[in-house]
Protein backbone atom coordinates (compact mmCIF):
# COMPACT_ATOMS: atom_id res chain seq x y z
CA UNK A 1 14.32 4.68 -16.79
CA UNK A 2 15.84 4.28 -13.32
CA UNK A 3 12.81 5.98 -11.75
CA UNK A 4 10.44 3.60 -13.50
CA UNK A 5 12.18 0.43 -12.36
CA UNK A 6 12.86 1.85 -8.89
CA UNK A 7 9.17 2.74 -8.55
CA UNK A 8 8.11 -0.71 -9.64
CA UNK A 9 10.56 -2.45 -7.34
CA UNK A 10 9.91 -0.18 -4.37
CA UNK A 11 6.11 -0.17 -4.64
CA UNK A 12 4.78 -3.03 -6.69
CA UNK A 13 6.93 -5.75 -5.16
CA UNK A 14 5.90 -5.06 -1.52
CA UNK A 15 2.23 -4.80 -2.54
CA UNK A 16 2.33 -8.16 -4.29
CA UNK A 17 4.32 -9.84 -1.51
CA UNK A 18 1.91 -8.58 1.15
CA UNK A 19 -1.18 -9.57 -0.80
CA UNK A 20 0.05 -12.96 -1.92
CA UNK A 21 1.53 -13.77 1.50
CA UNK A 22 -1.61 -12.72 3.34
CA UNK A 23 -3.72 -14.68 0.90
CA UNK A 24 -1.66 -17.79 1.60
CA UNK A 25 -1.75 -17.32 5.38
CA UNK A 26 -5.48 -16.55 5.57
CA UNK A 27 -6.44 -18.94 2.75
CA UNK A 28 -8.58 -16.18 1.20
CA UNK A 29 -8.36 -15.05 -2.42
CA UNK A 30 -9.67 -11.60 -1.47
CA UNK A 31 -6.17 -10.57 -0.39
CA UNK A 32 -4.72 -11.79 -3.68
CA UNK A 33 -7.30 -9.78 -5.63
CA UNK A 34 -6.55 -6.75 -3.45
CA UNK A 35 -2.86 -7.04 -4.34
CA UNK A 36 -3.58 -7.36 -8.05
CA UNK A 37 -5.95 -4.37 -8.09
CA UNK A 38 -3.61 -2.15 -6.06
CA UNK A 39 -0.63 -3.31 -8.10
CA UNK A 40 -2.36 -2.35 -11.34
CA UNK A 41 -3.35 1.02 -9.89
CA UNK A 42 0.23 1.58 -8.66
CA UNK A 43 1.72 0.76 -12.06
CA UNK A 44 -0.74 2.98 -13.93
CA UNK A 45 -0.30 5.89 -11.53
CA UNK A 46 3.48 5.63 -11.73
CA UNK A 47 3.41 5.45 -15.53
CA UNK A 48 1.00 8.34 -15.94
CA UNK A 49 2.90 10.47 -13.44
CA UNK A 50 6.21 9.89 -15.17
CA UNK A 51 4.74 10.53 -18.62
CA UNK A 52 3.08 13.73 -17.42
CA UNK A 53 6.39 14.91 -15.99
CA UNK A 54 5.08 15.37 -12.46
CA UNK A 55 7.65 16.72 -10.05
CA UNK A 56 9.15 14.00 -7.85
CA UNK A 57 7.50 15.16 -4.63
CA UNK A 58 4.06 15.39 -6.22
CA UNK A 59 4.36 11.92 -7.79
CA UNK A 60 5.52 10.44 -4.49
CA UNK A 61 2.62 12.16 -2.72
CA UNK A 62 0.14 10.75 -5.24
CA UNK A 63 1.59 7.26 -4.85
CA UNK A 64 1.43 7.54 -1.06
CA UNK A 65 -2.22 8.59 -1.28
CA UNK A 66 -2.86 5.55 -3.47
CA UNK A 67 -1.16 3.35 -0.87
CA UNK A 68 -3.29 4.97 1.83
CA UNK A 69 -6.46 4.05 -0.06
CA UNK A 70 -5.09 0.53 -0.53
CA UNK A 71 -4.24 0.34 3.17
CA UNK A 72 -7.78 1.34 4.09
CA UNK A 73 -9.13 -1.37 1.79
CA UNK A 74 -6.70 -3.86 3.33
CA UNK A 75 -7.97 -2.92 6.81
CA UNK A 76 -11.50 -3.65 5.61
CA UNK A 77 -10.40 -7.05 4.33
CA UNK A 78 -8.65 -7.75 7.62
CA UNK A 79 -11.81 -6.88 9.52
CA UNK A 80 -13.88 -9.16 7.31
CA UNK A 81 -11.47 -12.12 7.40
CA UNK A 82 -9.83 -11.46 10.76
CA UNK A 83 -10.40 -14.86 12.30
CA UNK A 84 -8.96 -16.89 9.42
CA UNK A 85 -6.02 -14.48 9.05
CA UNK A 86 -5.28 -14.62 12.77
CA UNK A 87 -5.51 -18.42 12.93
CA UNK A 88 -3.42 -18.89 9.80
CA UNK A 89 -0.74 -16.52 11.04
CA UNK A 90 -0.54 -18.32 14.39
CA UNK A 91 -0.38 -21.72 12.70
CA UNK A 92 2.18 -20.89 10.00
CA UNK A 93 4.38 -18.31 11.74
CA UNK A 94 4.03 -18.80 15.50
CA UNK A 95 7.39 -17.21 16.26
CA UNK A 96 6.48 -13.99 14.46
CA UNK A 97 2.86 -13.81 15.59
CA UNK A 98 1.64 -10.78 17.48
CA UNK A 99 -2.04 -9.78 17.65
CA UNK A 100 -1.25 -6.28 16.37
CA UNK A 101 0.00 -7.72 13.07
CA UNK A 102 -3.44 -9.02 12.17
CA UNK A 103 -5.52 -6.24 13.75
CA UNK A 104 -7.50 -4.14 11.26
CA UNK A 105 -6.79 -1.02 13.31
CA UNK A 106 -3.06 -1.45 12.64
CA UNK A 107 -3.66 -1.34 8.89
CA UNK A 108 -6.05 1.58 9.39
CA UNK A 109 -3.43 3.51 11.35
CA UNK A 110 -0.82 2.80 8.69
CA UNK A 111 -3.27 4.01 6.01
CA UNK A 112 -3.83 7.24 7.96
CA UNK A 113 -0.07 7.82 8.26
CA UNK A 114 0.39 7.18 4.52
CA UNK A 115 -2.43 9.62 3.74
CA UNK A 116 -0.85 12.30 5.92
CA UNK A 117 2.54 11.78 4.26
CA UNK A 118 0.96 11.83 0.79
CA UNK A 119 -0.96 15.03 1.47
CA UNK A 120 2.18 16.62 2.88
CA UNK A 121 4.15 15.67 -0.23
CA UNK A 122 1.54 17.06 -2.59
CA UNK A 123 1.15 20.25 -0.53
CA UNK A 124 4.91 20.81 -0.41
CA UNK A 125 5.24 20.30 -4.16
CA UNK A 126 2.44 22.80 -4.82
CA UNK A 127 3.95 25.29 -2.38
CA UNK A 128 7.38 24.89 -3.98
CA UNK A 129 5.79 25.72 -7.33
CA UNK A 130 4.23 28.91 -5.89
CA UNK A 131 7.57 30.04 -4.47
CA UNK A 132 9.33 29.80 -7.84
């Protein structure tokens, strides 16, 4: 039970906050829809992984790979709506604004790092199974 609620709080909440916040800043519903789709995928993956009894490292790896795919999609949205996101960020949060925060390559780099971490987690869980 603790894993379920921890997984929801640790994964779903940041996804929804990022998507809803970005949607408000950029004034584009595409970011909201991204958050809803990724949030649903996160919840289903977490539920199925827990029900299947996946080892912790393998479930975390799968969730990180899902976040990597979501990050790549987010980078595509940023590239498509870059100007409105950049202008909205500068207008609403001028003290926090930095061009790297709205650059699609930043989200792409984060997605690549999440993919590497996810693959490492899955590989380690499979290797651990072979050792036993």
